[in-house]
Amino acid sequence: RYFIVFAKLLKPEMAPTMAPAHMAYMIALREAGTVIAHGR
C-alpha cells in the first residue's frame, strides 16, 4: 500500500542542525524501497 506523509515545519531555526540526520534517515528508507519519493 502507498501512503503520503505531509510534514509541517514547526521550528525552522532548528532544521539546519538536524538536516544531516534527517536526510541520512530518509536516504536509508529510500534505498530500502520504503520511501519512493520525498522532498521539501
PDB file of all heavy atoms in Angstrom:
ATOM      1  N   ARG A   1       0.853  -1.200   0.000  1.00  0.00           N
ATOM      2  CA  ARG A   1       0.000   0.000   0.000  1.00  0.00           C
ATOM      3  C   ARG A   1       0.888   1.250   0.000  1.00  0.00           C
ATOM      4  O   ARG A   1       2.063   1.179   0.372  1.00  0.00           O
ATOM      5  CB  ARG A   1      -0.909  -0.043   1.224  1.00  0.00           C
ATOM      6  CG  ARG A   1      -1.886  -1.214   1.149  1.00  0.00           C
ATOM      7  CD  ARG A   1      -2.416  -1.665   2.487  1.00  0.00           C
ATOM      8  NE  ARG A   1      -3.067  -0.620   3.257  1.00  0.00           N
ATOM      9  CZ  ARG A   1      -3.452  -0.779   4.530  1.00  0.00           C
ATOM     10  NH1 ARG A   1      -3.269  -1.921   5.146  1.00  0.00           N
ATOM     11  NH2 ARG A   1      -4.031   0.201   5.176  1.00  0.00           N
ATOM     12  N   TYR A   2       0.305   2.365  -0.410  1.00  0.00           N
ATOM     13  CA  TYR A   2       1.044   3.620  -0.513  1.00  0.00           C
ATOM     14  C   TYR A   2       0.463   4.642   0.448  1.00  0.00           C
ATOM     15  O   TYR A   2      -0.749   4.687   0.673  1.00  0.00           O
ATOM     16  CB  TYR A   2       1.017   4.151  -1.949  1.00  0.00           C
ATOM     17  CG  TYR A   2       1.763   3.249  -2.880  1.00  0.00           C
ATOM     18  CD1 TYR A   2       1.116   2.210  -3.541  1.00  0.00           C
ATOM     19  CD2 TYR A   2       3.139   3.397  -3.064  1.00  0.00           C
ATOM     20  CE1 TYR A   2       1.815   1.348  -4.371  1.00  0.00           C
ATOM     21  CE2 TYR A   2       3.839   2.540  -3.889  1.00  0.00           C
ATOM     22  CZ  TYR A   2       3.175   1.525  -4.548  1.00  0.00           C
ATOM     23  OH  TYR A   2       3.856   0.666  -5.363  1.00  0.00           O
ATOM     24  N   PHE A   3       1.350   5.490   0.986  1.00  0.00           N
ATOM     25  CA  PHE A   3       0.964   6.487   1.971  1.00  0.00           C
ATOM     26  C   PHE A   3       1.688   7.788   1.668  1.00  0.00           C
ATOM     27  O   PHE A   3       2.856   7.785   1.266  1.00  0.00           O
ATOM     28  CB  PHE A   3       1.342   6.022   3.384  1.00  0.00           C
ATOM     29  CG  PHE A   3       0.692   4.717   3.755  1.00  0.00           C
ATOM     30  CD1 PHE A   3       1.276   3.506   3.401  1.00  0.00           C
ATOM     31  CD2 PHE A   3      -0.508   4.695   4.437  1.00  0.00           C
ATOM     32  CE1 PHE A   3       0.678   2.301   3.717  1.00  0.00           C
ATOM     33  CE2 PHE A   3      -1.119   3.494   4.756  1.00  0.00           C
ATOM     34  CZ  PHE A   3      -0.531   2.296   4.399  1.00  0.00           C
ATOM     35  N   ILE A   4       0.984   8.898   1.860  1.00  0.00           N
ATOM     36  CA  ILE A   4       1.578  10.226   1.731  1.00  0.00           C
ATOM     37  C   ILE A   4       1.786  10.761   3.141  1.00  0.00           C
ATOM     38  O   ILE A   4       0.871  10.691   3.978  1.00  0.00           O
ATOM     39  CB  ILE A   4       0.649  11.192   0.963  1.00  0.00           C
ATOM     40  CG1 ILE A   4       0.383  10.697  -0.446  1.00  0.00           C
ATOM     41  CG2 ILE A   4       1.205  12.609   0.958  1.00  0.00           C
ATOM     42  CD1 ILE A   4       1.482  10.956  -1.410  1.00  0.00           C
ATOM     43  N   VAL A   5       2.961  11.322   3.385  1.00  0.00           N
ATOM     44  CA  VAL A   5       3.241  11.963   4.666  1.00  0.00           C
ATOM     45  C   VAL A   5       3.486  13.443   4.391  1.00  0.00           C
ATOM     46  O   VAL A   5       4.377  13.805   3.621  1.00  0.00           O
ATOM     47  CB  VAL A   5       4.459  11.331   5.363  1.00  0.00           C
ATOM     48  CG1 VAL A   5       4.787  12.086   6.651  1.00  0.00           C
ATOM     49  CG2 VAL A   5       4.195   9.857   5.652  1.00  0.00           C
ATOM     50  N   PHE A   6       2.665  14.270   5.024  1.00  0.00           N
ATOM     51  CA  PHE A   6       2.845  15.718   4.978  1.00  0.00           C
ATOM     52  C   PHE A   6       3.524  16.116   6.284  1.00  0.00           C
ATOM     53  O   PHE A   6       2.992  15.848   7.366  1.00  0.00           O
ATOM     54  CB  PHE A   6       1.498  16.439   4.859  1.00  0.00           C
ATOM     55  CG  PHE A   6       0.755  16.106   3.601  1.00  0.00           C
ATOM     56  CD1 PHE A   6      -0.268  15.190   3.609  1.00  0.00           C
ATOM     57  CD2 PHE A   6       1.092  16.717   2.405  1.00  0.00           C
ATOM     58  CE1 PHE A   6      -0.969  14.879   2.449  1.00  0.00           C
ATOM     59  CE2 PHE A   6       0.407  16.408   1.236  1.00  0.00           C
ATOM     60  CZ  PHE A   6      -0.624  15.490   1.265  1.00  0.00           C
ATOM     61  N   ALA A   7       4.702  16.723   6.193  1.00  0.00           N
ATOM     62  CA  ALA A   7       5.486  17.070   7.376  1.00  0.00           C
ATOM     63  C   ALA A   7       5.631  18.583   7.472  1.00  0.00           C
ATOM     64  O   ALA A   7       6.441  19.187   6.757  1.00  0.00           O
ATOM     65  CB  ALA A   7       6.845  16.386   7.332  1.00  0.00           C
ATOM     66  N   LYS A   8       4.835  19.183   8.341  1.00  0.00           N
ATOM     67  CA  LYS A   8       4.821  20.643   8.502  1.00  0.00           C
ATOM     68  C   LYS A   8       6.008  21.112   9.335  1.00  0.00           C
ATOM     69  O   LYS A   8       6.291  20.569  10.403  1.00  0.00           O
ATOM     70  CB  LYS A   8       3.518  21.078   9.173  1.00  0.00           C
ATOM     71  CG  LYS A   8       3.375  22.577   9.336  1.00  0.00           C
ATOM     72  CD  LYS A   8       2.012  22.919   9.892  1.00  0.00           C
ATOM     73  CE  LYS A   8       1.846  24.394  10.159  1.00  0.00           C
ATOM     74  NZ  LYS A   8       2.015  25.239   9.017  1.00  0.00           N
ATOM     75  N   LEU A   9       6.687  22.135   8.852  1.00  0.00           N
ATOM     76  CA  LEU A   9       7.832  22.711   9.544  1.00  0.00           C
ATOM     77  C   LEU A   9       7.344  23.556  10.720  1.00  0.00           C
ATOM     78  O   LEU A   9       6.566  24.494  10.544  1.00  0.00           O
ATOM     79  CB  LEU A   9       8.655  23.566   8.582  1.00  0.00           C
ATOM     80  CG  LEU A   9       9.941  24.171   9.114  1.00  0.00           C
ATOM     81  CD1 LEU A   9      10.904  23.089   9.579  1.00  0.00           C
ATOM     82  CD2 LEU A   9      10.587  25.024   8.027  1.00  0.00           C
ATOM     83  N   LEU A  10       7.792  23.210  11.922  1.00  0.00           N
ATOM     84  CA  LEU A  10       7.382  23.918  13.135  1.00  0.00           C
ATOM     85  C   LEU A  10       8.491  24.791  13.712  1.00  0.00           C
ATOM     86  O   LEU A  10       8.208  25.834  14.303  1.00  0.00           O
ATOM     87  CB  LEU A  10       6.946  22.908  14.211  1.00  0.00           C
ATOM     88  CG  LEU A  10       5.813  21.961  13.838  1.00  0.00           C
ATOM     89  CD1 LEU A  10       5.603  20.947  14.954  1.00  0.00           C
ATOM     90  CD2 LEU A  10       4.535  22.741  13.549  1.00  0.00           C
ATOM     91  N   LYS A  11       9.734  24.343  13.585  1.00  0.00           N
ATOM     92  CA  LYS A  11      10.872  25.050  14.175  1.00  0.00           C
ATOM     93  C   LYS A  11      11.964  25.234  13.125  1.00  0.00           C
ATOM     94  O   LYS A  11      12.972  24.532  13.119  1.00  0.00           O
ATOM     95  CB  LYS A  11      11.417  24.262  15.366  1.00  0.00           C
ATOM     96  CG  LYS A  11      10.425  24.101  16.495  1.00  0.00           C
ATOM     97  CD  LYS A  11      11.029  23.254  17.612  1.00  0.00           C
ATOM     98  CE  LYS A  11      10.028  23.021  18.717  1.00  0.00           C
ATOM     99  NZ  LYS A  11      10.577  22.110  19.749  1.00  0.00           N
ATOM    100  N   PRO A  12      11.769  26.202  12.217  1.00  0.00           N
ATOM    101  CA  PRO A  12      12.738  26.364  11.123  1.00  0.00           C
ATOM    102  C   PRO A  12      14.152  26.676  11.610  1.00  0.00           C
ATOM    103  O   PRO A  12      15.119  26.306  10.949  1.00  0.00           O
ATOM    104  CB  PRO A  12      12.164  27.511  10.290  1.00  0.00           C
ATOM    105  CG  PRO A  12      11.173  28.186  11.166  1.00  0.00           C
ATOM    106  CD  PRO A  12      10.682  27.182  12.143  1.00  0.00           C
ATOM    107  N   GLU A  13      14.276  27.316  12.760  1.00  0.00           N
ATOM    108  CA  GLU A  13      15.604  27.666  13.266  1.00  0.00           C
ATOM    109  C   GLU A  13      16.416  26.424  13.660  1.00  0.00           C
ATOM    110  O   GLU A  13      17.643  26.468  13.690  1.00  0.00           O
ATOM    111  CB  GLU A  13      15.488  28.621  14.463  1.00  0.00           C
ATOM    112  CG  GLU A  13      14.928  28.018  15.734  1.00  0.00           C
ATOM    113  CD  GLU A  13      13.407  27.835  15.777  1.00  0.00           C
ATOM    114  OE1 GLU A  13      12.703  28.210  14.815  1.00  0.00           O
ATOM    115  OE2 GLU A  13      12.928  27.306  16.788  1.00  0.00           O
ATOM    116  N   MET A  14      15.749  25.313  13.944  1.00  0.00           N
ATOM    117  CA  MET A  14      16.441  24.078  14.334  1.00  0.00           C
ATOM    118  C   MET A  14      16.720  23.146  13.159  1.00  0.00           C
ATOM    119  O   MET A  14      17.514  22.215  13.281  1.00  0.00           O
ATOM    120  CB  MET A  14      15.623  23.333  15.389  1.00  0.00           C
ATOM    121  CG  MET A  14      15.549  24.032  16.726  1.00  0.00           C
ATOM    122  SD  MET A  14      14.544  23.112  17.932  1.00  0.00           S
ATOM    123  CE  MET A  14      15.434  21.553  18.020  1.00  0.00           C
ATOM    124  N   ALA A  15      16.072  23.393  12.039  1.00  0.00           N
ATOM    125  CA  ALA A  15      16.192  22.473  10.897  1.00  0.00           C
ATOM    126  C   ALA A  15      17.629  22.291  10.406  1.00  0.00           C
ATOM    127  O   ALA A  15      18.043  21.152  10.157  1.00  0.00           O
ATOM    128  CB  ALA A  15      15.265  22.917   9.768  1.00  0.00           C
ATOM    129  N   PRO A  16      18.415  23.346  10.261  1.00  0.00           N
ATOM    130  CA  PRO A  16      19.777  23.136   9.740  1.00  0.00           C
ATOM    131  C   PRO A  16      20.626  22.204  10.612  1.00  0.00           C
ATOM    132  O   PRO A  16      21.441  21.442  10.096  1.00  0.00           O
ATOM    133  CB  PRO A  16      20.370  24.548   9.697  1.00  0.00           C
ATOM    134  CG  PRO A  16      19.183  25.441   9.572  1.00  0.00           C
ATOM    135  CD  PRO A  16      18.104  24.777  10.398  1.00  0.00           C
ATOM    136  N   THR A  17      20.420  22.251  11.920  1.00  0.00           N
ATOM    137  CA  THR A  17      21.203  21.415  12.827  1.00  0.00           C
ATOM    138  C   THR A  17      20.897  19.931  12.632  1.00  0.00           C
ATOM    139  O   THR A  17      21.805  19.092  12.663  1.00  0.00           O
ATOM    140  CB  THR A  17      20.902  21.807  14.297  1.00  0.00           C
ATOM    141  OG1 THR A  17      21.188  23.195  14.453  1.00  0.00           O
ATOM    142  CG2 THR A  17      21.731  21.009  15.272  1.00  0.00           C
ATOM    143  N   MET A  18      19.633  19.600  12.428  1.00  0.00           N
ATOM    144  CA  MET A  18      19.217  18.202  12.321  1.00  0.00           C
ATOM    145  C   MET A  18      19.088  17.718  10.881  1.00  0.00           C
ATOM    146  O   MET A  18      18.825  16.544  10.654  1.00  0.00           O
ATOM    147  CB  MET A  18      17.887  17.991  13.049  1.00  0.00           C
ATOM    148  CG  MET A  18      17.959  18.169  14.558  1.00  0.00           C
ATOM    149  SD  MET A  18      19.184  17.104  15.354  1.00  0.00           S
ATOM    150  CE  MET A  18      18.567  15.488  14.955  1.00  0.00           C
ATOM    151  N   ALA A  19      19.273  18.600   9.904  1.00  0.00           N
ATOM    152  CA  ALA A  19      19.098  18.225   8.499  1.00  0.00           C
ATOM    153  C   ALA A  19      19.975  17.046   8.077  1.00  0.00           C
ATOM    154  O   ALA A  19      19.490  16.142   7.385  1.00  0.00           O
ATOM    155  CB  ALA A  19      19.309  19.432   7.588  1.00  0.00           C
ATOM    156  N   PRO A  20      21.255  16.981   8.468  1.00  0.00           N
ATOM    157  CA  PRO A  20      22.060  15.826   8.044  1.00  0.00           C
ATOM    158  C   PRO A  20      21.503  14.493   8.567  1.00  0.00           C
ATOM    159  O   PRO A  20      21.449  13.506   7.818  1.00  0.00           O
ATOM    160  CB  PRO A  20      23.445  16.125   8.620  1.00  0.00           C
ATOM    161  CG  PRO A  20      23.499  17.623   8.717  1.00  0.00           C
ATOM    162  CD  PRO A  20      22.096  18.012   9.122  1.00  0.00           C
ATOM    163  N   ALA A  21      21.062  14.455   9.820  1.00  0.00           N
ATOM    164  CA  ALA A  21      20.499  13.216  10.378  1.00  0.00           C
ATOM    165  C   ALA A  21      19.174  12.878   9.700  1.00  0.00           C
ATOM    166  O   ALA A  21      18.907  11.710   9.386  1.00  0.00           O
ATOM    167  CB  ALA A  21      20.301  13.358  11.892  1.00  0.00           C
ATOM    168  N   HIS A  22      18.358  13.885   9.452  1.00  0.00           N
ATOM    169  CA  HIS A  22      17.082  13.673   8.764  1.00  0.00           C
ATOM    170  C   HIS A  22      17.323  13.117   7.368  1.00  0.00           C
ATOM    171  O   HIS A  22      16.692  12.132   6.965  1.00  0.00           O
ATOM    172  CB  HIS A  22      16.295  14.985   8.691  1.00  0.00           C
ATOM    173  CG  HIS A  22      15.187  14.974   7.697  1.00  0.00           C
ATOM    174  ND1 HIS A  22      14.018  14.272   7.896  1.00  0.00           N
ATOM    175  CD2 HIS A  22      15.069  15.567   6.487  1.00  0.00           C
ATOM    176  CE1 HIS A  22      13.218  14.439   6.844  1.00  0.00           C
ATOM    177  NE2 HIS A  22      13.841  15.214   5.974  1.00  0.00           N
ATOM    178  N   MET A  23      18.237  13.719   6.626  1.00  0.00           N
ATOM    179  CA  MET A  23      18.495  13.265   5.261  1.00  0.00           C
ATOM    180  C   MET A  23      19.085  11.856   5.246  1.00  0.00           C
ATOM    181  O   MET A  23      18.722  11.046   4.392  1.00  0.00           O
ATOM    182  CB  MET A  23      19.416  14.243   4.531  1.00  0.00           C
ATOM    183  CG  MET A  23      18.718  15.532   4.124  1.00  0.00           C
ATOM    184  SD  MET A  23      17.200  15.267   3.165  1.00  0.00           S
ATOM    185  CE  MET A  23      17.806  14.354   1.768  1.00  0.00           C
ATOM    186  N   ALA A  24      19.965  11.543   6.182  1.00  0.00           N
ATOM    187  CA  ALA A  24      20.527  10.187   6.247  1.00  0.00           C
ATOM    188  C   ALA A  24      19.409   9.171   6.492  1.00  0.00           C
ATOM    189  O   ALA A  24      19.390   8.095   5.878  1.00  0.00           O
ATOM    190  CB  ALA A  24      21.578  10.104   7.346  1.00  0.00           C
ATOM    191  N   TYR A  25      18.475   9.523   7.359  1.00  0.00           N
ATOM    192  CA  TYR A  25      17.354   8.626   7.652  1.00  0.00           C
ATOM    193  C   TYR A  25      16.483   8.426   6.415  1.00  0.00           C
ATOM    194  O   TYR A  25      16.134   7.293   6.057  1.00  0.00           O
ATOM    195  CB  TYR A  25      16.532   9.185   8.816  1.00  0.00           C
ATOM    196  CG  TYR A  25      15.414   8.282   9.250  1.00  0.00           C
ATOM    197  CD1 TYR A  25      15.674   7.066   9.874  1.00  0.00           C
ATOM    198  CD2 TYR A  25      14.086   8.633   9.035  1.00  0.00           C
ATOM    199  CE1 TYR A  25      14.648   6.218  10.274  1.00  0.00           C
ATOM    200  CE2 TYR A  25      13.053   7.803   9.435  1.00  0.00           C
ATOM    201  CZ  TYR A  25      13.341   6.597  10.048  1.00  0.00           C
ATOM    202  OH  TYR A  25      12.322   5.771  10.438  1.00  0.00           O
ATOM    203  N   MET A  26      16.140   9.515   5.739  1.00  0.00           N
ATOM    204  CA  MET A  26      15.288   9.426   4.557  1.00  0.00           C
ATOM    205  C   MET A  26      15.993   8.673   3.422  1.00  0.00           C
ATOM    206  O   MET A  26      15.358   7.891   2.708  1.00  0.00           O
ATOM    207  CB  MET A  26      14.851  10.820   4.094  1.00  0.00           C
ATOM    208  CG  MET A  26      13.977  11.564   5.092  1.00  0.00           C
ATOM    209  SD  MET A  26      12.491  10.659   5.587  1.00  0.00           S
ATOM    210  CE  MET A  26      11.565  10.645   4.061  1.00  0.00           C
ATOM    211  N   ILE A  27      17.275   8.902   3.238  1.00  0.00           N
ATOM    212  CA  ILE A  27      18.020   8.187   2.194  1.00  0.00           C
ATOM    213  C   ILE A  27      18.039   6.693   2.492  1.00  0.00           C
ATOM    214  O   ILE A  27      17.865   5.870   1.581  1.00  0.00           O
ATOM    215  CB  ILE A  27      19.436   8.769   2.042  1.00  0.00           C
ATOM    216  CG1 ILE A  27      19.350  10.158   1.392  1.00  0.00           C
ATOM    217  CG2 ILE A  27      20.337   7.837   1.224  1.00  0.00           C
ATOM    218  CD1 ILE A  27      20.632  10.957   1.451  1.00  0.00           C
ATOM    219  N   ALA A  28      18.211   6.316   3.752  1.00  0.00           N
ATOM    220  CA  ALA A  28      18.197   4.893   4.116  1.00  0.00           C
ATOM    221  C   ALA A  28      16.837   4.270   3.807  1.00  0.00           C
ATOM    222  O   ALA A  28      16.766   3.153   3.274  1.00  0.00           O
ATOM    223  CB  ALA A  28      18.542   4.722   5.595  1.00  0.00           C
ATOM    224  N   LEU A  29      15.748   4.990   4.099  1.00  0.00           N
ATOM    225  CA  LEU A  29      14.410   4.481   3.781  1.00  0.00           C
ATOM    226  C   LEU A  29      14.203   4.390   2.274  1.00  0.00           C
ATOM    227  O   LEU A  29      13.583   3.448   1.780  1.00  0.00           O
ATOM    228  CB  LEU A  29      13.334   5.366   4.409  1.00  0.00           C
ATOM    229  CG  LEU A  29      13.225   5.332   5.935  1.00  0.00           C
ATOM    230  CD1 LEU A  29      12.180   6.339   6.411  1.00  0.00           C
ATOM    231  CD2 LEU A  29      12.891   3.939   6.441  1.00  0.00           C
ATOM    232  N   ARG A  30      14.740   5.362   1.549  1.00  0.00           N
ATOM    233  CA  ARG A  30      14.627   5.333   0.081  1.00  0.00           C
ATOM    234  C   ARG A  30      15.411   4.162  -0.497  1.00  0.00           C
ATOM    235  O   ARG A  30      14.919   3.436  -1.361  1.00  0.00           O
ATOM    236  CB  ARG A  30      15.109   6.665  -0.492  1.00  0.00           C
ATOM    237  CG  ARG A  30      14.731   6.857  -1.941  1.00  0.00           C
ATOM    238  CD  ARG A  30      15.162   8.207  -2.468  1.00  0.00           C
ATOM    239  NE  ARG A  30      16.599   8.297  -2.513  1.00  0.00           N
ATOM    240  CZ  ARG A  30      17.292   9.388  -2.211  1.00  0.00           C
ATOM    241  NH1 ARG A  30      16.691  10.487  -1.818  1.00  0.00           N
ATOM    242  NH2 ARG A  30      18.606   9.388  -2.283  1.00  0.00           N
ATOM    243  N   GLU A  31      16.614   3.948  -0.010  1.00  0.00           N
ATOM    244  CA  GLU A  31      17.437   2.845  -0.505  1.00  0.00           C
ATOM    245  C   GLU A  31      16.823   1.491  -0.178  1.00  0.00           C
ATOM    246  O   GLU A  31      16.999   0.533  -0.934  1.00  0.00           O
ATOM    247  CB  GLU A  31      18.856   2.959   0.044  1.00  0.00           C
ATOM    248  CG  GLU A  31      19.625   4.111  -0.585  1.00  0.00           C
ATOM    249  CD  GLU A  31      20.993   4.334   0.017  1.00  0.00           C
ATOM    250  OE1 GLU A  31      21.316   3.733   1.066  1.00  0.00           O
ATOM    251  OE2 GLU A  31      21.749   5.139  -0.564  1.00  0.00           O
ATOM    252  N   ALA A  32      16.069   1.413   0.915  1.00  0.00           N
ATOM    253  CA  ALA A  32      15.382   0.174   1.294  1.00  0.00           C
ATOM    254  C   ALA A  32      14.099  -0.035   0.493  1.00  0.00           C
ATOM    255  O   ALA A  32      13.492  -1.099   0.563  1.00  0.00           O
ATOM    256  CB  ALA A  32      15.057   0.198   2.787  1.00  0.00           C
ATOM    257  N   GLY A  33      13.676   0.988  -0.268  1.00  0.00           N
ATOM    258  CA  GLY A  33      12.455   0.893  -1.057  1.00  0.00           C
ATOM    259  C   GLY A  33      11.201   1.227  -0.280  1.00  0.00           C
ATOM    260  O   GLY A  33      10.093   1.107  -0.805  1.00  0.00           O
ATOM    261  N   THR A  34      11.349   1.669   0.953  1.00  0.00           N
ATOM    262  CA  THR A  34      10.193   2.025   1.782  1.00  0.00           C
ATOM    263  C   THR A  34       9.670   3.408   1.422  1.00  0.00           C
ATOM    264  O   THR A  34       8.462   3.626   1.387  1.00  0.00           O
ATOM    265  CB  THR A  34      10.580   1.972   3.277  1.00  0.00           C
ATOM    266  OG1 THR A  34      11.079   0.671   3.567  1.00  0.00           O
ATOM    267  CG2 THR A  34       9.403   2.274   4.167  1.00  0.00           C
ATOM    268  N   VAL A  35      10.568   4.340   1.181  1.00  0.00           N
ATOM    269  CA  VAL A  35      10.202   5.672   0.700  1.00  0.00           C
ATOM    270  C   VAL A  35      10.536   5.701  -0.780  1.00  0.00           C
ATOM    271  O   VAL A  35      11.672   5.424  -1.171  1.00  0.00           O
ATOM    272  CB  VAL A  35      10.949   6.783   1.467  1.00  0.00           C
ATOM    273  CG1 VAL A  35      10.773   8.133   0.799  1.00  0.00           C
ATOM    274  CG2 VAL A  35      10.468   6.852   2.915  1.00  0.00           C
ATOM    275  N   ILE A  36       9.531   6.013  -1.594  1.00  0.00           N
ATOM    276  CA  ILE A  36       9.783   6.017  -3.044  1.00  0.00           C
ATOM    277  C   ILE A  36       9.986   7.420  -3.592  1.00  0.00           C
ATOM    278  O   ILE A  36      10.454   7.581  -4.718  1.00  0.00           O
ATOM    279  CB  ILE A  36       8.680   5.271  -3.825  1.00  0.00           C
ATOM    280  CG1 ILE A  36       7.318   5.921  -3.634  1.00  0.00           C
ATOM    281  CG2 ILE A  36       8.652   3.807  -3.401  1.00  0.00           C
ATOM    282  CD1 ILE A  36       6.262   5.373  -4.577  1.00  0.00           C
ATOM    283  N   ALA A  37       9.648   8.435  -2.799  1.00  0.00           N
ATOM    284  CA  ALA A  37       9.880   9.827  -3.190  1.00  0.00           C
ATOM    285  C   ALA A  37       9.779  10.688  -1.941  1.00  0.00           C
ATOM    286  O   ALA A  37       8.999  10.385  -1.039  1.00  0.00           O
ATOM    287  CB  ALA A  37       8.858  10.286  -4.224  1.00  0.00           C
ATOM    288  N   HIS A  38      10.576  11.730  -1.891  1.00  0.00           N
ATOM    289  CA  HIS A  38      10.486  12.675  -0.774  1.00  0.00           C
ATOM    290  C   HIS A  38      11.161  13.979  -1.167  1.00  0.00           C
ATOM    291  O   HIS A  38      11.977  14.014  -2.085  1.00  0.00           O
ATOM    292  CB  HIS A  38      11.115  12.097   0.504  1.00  0.00           C
ATOM    293  CG  HIS A  38      12.592  11.884   0.414  1.00  0.00           C
ATOM    294  ND1 HIS A  38      13.504  12.815   0.833  1.00  0.00           N
ATOM    295  CD2 HIS A  38      13.319  10.839  -0.055  1.00  0.00           C
ATOM    296  CE1 HIS A  38      14.730  12.353   0.645  1.00  0.00           C
ATOM    297  NE2 HIS A  38      14.638  11.144   0.088  1.00  0.00           N
ATOM    298  N   GLY A  39      10.812  15.034  -0.469  1.00  0.00           N
ATOM    299  CA  GLY A  39      11.453  16.322  -0.710  1.00  0.00           C
ATOM    300  C   GLY A  39      10.757  17.441   0.026  1.00  0.00           C
ATOM    301  O   GLY A  39       9.623  17.298   0.488  1.00  0.00           O
ATOM    302  N   ARG A  40      11.472  18.547   0.138  1.00  0.00           N
ATOM    303  CA  ARG A  40      10.907  19.717   0.819  1.00  0.00           C
ATOM    304  C   ARG A  40      10.024  20.496  -0.144  1.00  0.00           C
ATOM    305  O   ARG A  40      10.222  20.445  -1.375  1.00  0.00           O
ATOM    306  CB  ARG A  40      12.010  20.598   1.382  1.00  0.00           C
ATOM    307  CG  ARG A  40      12.878  21.250   0.338  1.00  0.00           C
ATOM    308  CD  ARG A  40      14.027  22.019   0.987  1.00  0.00           C
ATOM    309  NE  ARG A  40      14.892  22.566  -0.032  1.00  0.00           N
ATOM    310  CZ  ARG A  40      14.791  23.793  -0.539  1.00  0.00           C
ATOM    311  NH1 ARG A  40      13.842  24.603  -0.101  1.00  0.00           N
ATOM    312  NH2 ARG A  40      15.602  24.205  -1.479  1.00  0.00           N
TER     313      ARG A  40
END
